[in-house]
Amino acid sequence: MKLFWHGVWWAVAAAVLAAVFLLYTQPEFMVQMANQLWSCF
């Protein structure tokens, strides 16, 4: 059972990393994030 949960956590981590990578490939998302960052200052 421990091996199963270990695999599940690796799959979840891989899915999160893939989602972040896909977001960073969209220029509009990067511009929006930069604007939000600069609006803090």
C-alpha atoms as a PDB file:
ATOM      1  CA  MET A   1       0.000   0.000   0.000  1.00  0.00           C
ATOM      2  CA  LYS A   2       2.880   2.349   0.737  1.00  0.00           C
ATOM      3  CA  LEU A   3       4.209   1.860  -2.798  1.00  0.00           C
ATOM      4  CA  PHE A   4       0.789   2.790  -4.194  1.00  0.00           C
ATOM      5  CA  TRP A   5       0.677   6.127  -2.341  1.00  0.00           C
ATOM      6  CA  HIS A   6       4.272   6.823  -3.330  1.00  0.00           C
ATOM      7  CA  GLY A   7       3.253   6.437  -6.983  1.00  0.00           C
ATOM      8  CA  VAL A   8       0.176   8.598  -6.506  1.00  0.00           C
ATOM      9  CA  TRP A   9       2.232  11.435  -5.035  1.00  0.00           C
ATOM     10  CA  TRP A  10       4.720  11.232  -7.920  1.00  0.00           C
ATOM     11  CA  ALA A  11       1.835  11.372 -10.421  1.00  0.00           C
ATOM     12  CA  VAL A  12       0.304  14.394  -8.671  1.00  0.00           C
ATOM     13  CA  ALA A  13       3.666  16.176  -8.600  1.00  0.00           C
ATOM     14  CA  ALA A  14       4.217  15.462 -12.307  1.00  0.00           C
ATOM     15  CA  ALA A  15       0.728  16.769 -13.152  1.00  0.00           C
ATOM     16  CA  VAL A  16       1.313  19.986 -11.203  1.00  0.00           C
ATOM     17  CA  LEU A  17       4.669  20.544 -12.895  1.00  0.00           C
ATOM     18  CA  ALA A  18       3.124  19.928 -16.320  1.00  0.00           C
ATOM     19  CA  ALA A  19       0.319  22.415 -15.587  1.00  0.00           C
ATOM     20  CA  VAL A  20       2.807  25.086 -14.484  1.00  0.00           C
ATOM     21  CA  PHE A  21       4.907  24.473 -17.597  1.00  0.00           C
ATOM     22  CA  LEU A  22       1.843  24.877 -19.825  1.00  0.00           C
ATOM     23  CA  LEU A  23       0.920  28.147 -18.089  1.00  0.00           C
ATOM     24  CA  TYR A  24       4.405  29.547 -18.594  1.00  0.00           C
ATOM     25  CA  THR A  25       4.269  28.812 -22.332  1.00  0.00           C
ATOM     26  CA  GLN A  26       1.362  31.261 -22.709  1.00  0.00           C
ATOM     27  CA  PRO A  27       2.648  34.834 -23.207  1.00  0.00           C
ATOM     28  CA  GLU A  28      -0.606  36.411 -22.006  1.00  0.00           C
ATOM     29  CA  PHE A  29      -0.269  34.608 -18.686  1.00  0.00           C
ATOM     30  CA  MET A  30       3.289  35.824 -18.252  1.00  0.00           C
ATOM     31  CA  VAL A  31       2.257  39.453 -18.957  1.00  0.00           C
ATOM     32  CA  GLN A  32      -0.616  39.163 -16.485  1.00  0.00           C
ATOM     33  CA  MET A  33       1.687  37.754 -13.790  1.00  0.00           C
ATOM     34  CA  ALA A  34       4.236  40.517 -14.387  1.00  0.00           C
ATOM     35  CA  ASN A  35       1.517  43.168 -14.119  1.00  0.00           C
ATOM     36  CA  GLN A  36       0.265  41.688 -10.858  1.00  0.00           C
ATOM     37  CA  LEU A  37       3.789  41.606  -9.477  1.00  0.00           C
ATOM     38  CA  TRP A  38       4.462  45.249 -10.364  1.00  0.00           C
ATOM     39  CA  SER A  39       1.116  46.372  -8.963  1.00  0.00           C
ATOM     40  CA  CYS A  40       2.348  45.338  -5.501  1.00  0.00           C
ATOM     41  CA  PHE A  41       5.012  48.084  -5.543  1.00  0.00           C
END
